[in-house]
Amino acid sequence: MNDLALYLRVIGTALFLCAGVVLFLWLLRKTRLSQGPGAEGIKILALRSLSHRAQLFLLEVEGEKLLIGLGEGGPRLICKLGKGDEQAS
């Protein structure tokens, strides 16, 4: 009976530790995504899907607006729209 109790205690402790590790990793992932390095200077202003493989992003990076295309070839800068509300040609 003593061996069974020890076995159950070891299994319980291992499950508790695994749950703690999973919770820690989940919290780490959530904080890294929301507070990533440099994330405070980048805003996604708009996102449009053109197809299931192509998207357009309007980003504001440190006050400058950028139109970025994302497709099979990876991300590409389409144009810089300038700072604030003014648009550059």
Protein backbone atom coordinates (compact mmCIF):
# COMPACT_ATOMS: atom_id res chain seq x y z
CA MET A 1 0.00 0.00 0.00
CA ASN A 2 2.90 2.32 0.81
CA ASP A 3 4.39 1.79 -2.68
CA LEU A 4 1.06 2.68 -4.31
CA ALA A 5 0.83 5.92 -2.32
CA LEU A 6 4.38 6.85 -3.29
CA TYR A 7 3.66 6.07 -6.95
CA LEU A 8 0.50 8.21 -6.92
CA ARG A 9 2.38 11.05 -5.20
CA VAL A 10 5.11 10.98 -7.88
CA ILE A 11 2.53 10.93 -10.70
CA GLY A 12 0.59 13.79 -9.10
CA THR A 13 3.71 15.87 -8.65
CA ALA A 14 4.78 15.26 -12.26
CA LEU A 15 1.35 16.28 -13.56
CA PHE A 16 1.39 19.40 -11.38
CA LEU A 17 4.83 20.38 -12.67
CA CYS A 18 3.81 19.79 -16.30
CA ALA A 19 0.72 21.96 -15.83
CA GLY A 20 2.90 24.68 -14.27
CA VAL A 21 5.32 24.60 -17.22
CA VAL A 22 2.46 24.78 -19.73
CA LEU A 23 0.92 27.73 -17.86
CA PHE A 24 4.29 29.50 -17.68
CA LEU A 25 4.92 29.05 -21.42
CA TRP A 26 1.41 30.27 -22.27
CA LEU A 27 1.88 33.39 -20.14
CA LEU A 28 5.32 34.00 -21.66
CA ARG A 29 3.90 33.77 -25.16
CA LYS A 30 1.03 36.15 -24.36
CA THR A 31 3.33 38.78 -22.88
CA ARG A 32 5.85 38.54 -25.73
CA LEU A 33 3.16 38.98 -28.39
CA SER A 34 1.53 41.94 -26.73
CA GLN A 35 4.73 43.65 -25.58
CA GLY A 36 7.29 42.61 -28.17
CA PRO A 37 10.41 44.69 -28.71
CA GLY A 38 9.61 47.77 -30.77
CA ALA A 39 5.90 46.94 -30.86
CA GLU A 40 4.92 50.28 -29.35
CA GLY A 41 6.21 52.12 -32.46
CA ILE A 42 4.28 49.96 -34.97
CA LYS A 43 0.52 50.11 -35.53
CA ILE A 44 -1.59 48.16 -38.03
CA LEU A 45 -4.05 50.74 -39.37
CA ALA A 46 -5.77 48.52 -41.94
CA LEU A 47 -5.59 45.02 -43.39
CA ARG A 48 -7.21 43.85 -46.62
CA SER A 49 -7.14 40.33 -47.99
CA LEU A 50 -6.83 40.32 -51.76
CA SER A 51 -6.90 36.53 -52.04
CA HIS A 52 -6.07 33.60 -49.80
CA ARG A 53 -2.37 34.20 -50.59
CA ALA A 54 -2.14 38.00 -50.84
CA GLN A 55 -2.81 40.77 -48.33
CA LEU A 56 -2.30 44.51 -48.03
CA PHE A 57 -1.29 46.15 -44.75
CA LEU A 58 -1.39 49.84 -43.96
CA LEU A 59 1.13 50.34 -41.14
CA GLU A 60 2.19 53.33 -39.14
CA VAL A 61 5.82 53.06 -38.07
CA GLU A 62 7.06 55.88 -35.84
CA GLY A 63 4.54 58.28 -37.39
CA GLU A 64 5.18 57.30 -41.02
CA LYS A 65 2.51 55.40 -42.97
CA LEU A 66 3.62 52.46 -45.12
CA LEU A 67 1.64 50.30 -47.54
CA ILE A 68 3.00 46.74 -47.40
CA GLY A 69 2.01 43.87 -49.67
CA LEU A 70 2.31 40.30 -48.45
CA GLY A 71 2.19 37.46 -50.96
CA GLU A 72 3.97 34.31 -52.03
CA GLY A 73 7.23 36.22 -52.50
CA GLY A 74 7.13 37.58 -48.94
CA PRO A 75 6.51 41.13 -47.69
CA ARG A 76 7.18 44.10 -50.01
CA LEU A 77 7.02 47.83 -49.51
CA ILE A 78 4.54 49.18 -52.04
CA CYS A 79 4.81 52.85 -51.11
CA LYS A 80 5.46 55.32 -48.32
CA LEU A 81 2.46 57.54 -47.65
CA GLY A 82 4.25 60.09 -45.50
CA LYS A 83 3.73 61.27 -41.95
CA GLY A 84 0.41 61.91 -40.24
CA ASP A 85 -2.52 62.88 -42.45
CA GLU A 86 -0.52 64.27 -45.37
CA GLN A 87 0.22 62.01 -48.34
CA ALA A 88 3.43 62.02 -50.37
CA SER A 89 3.37 61.38 -54.09
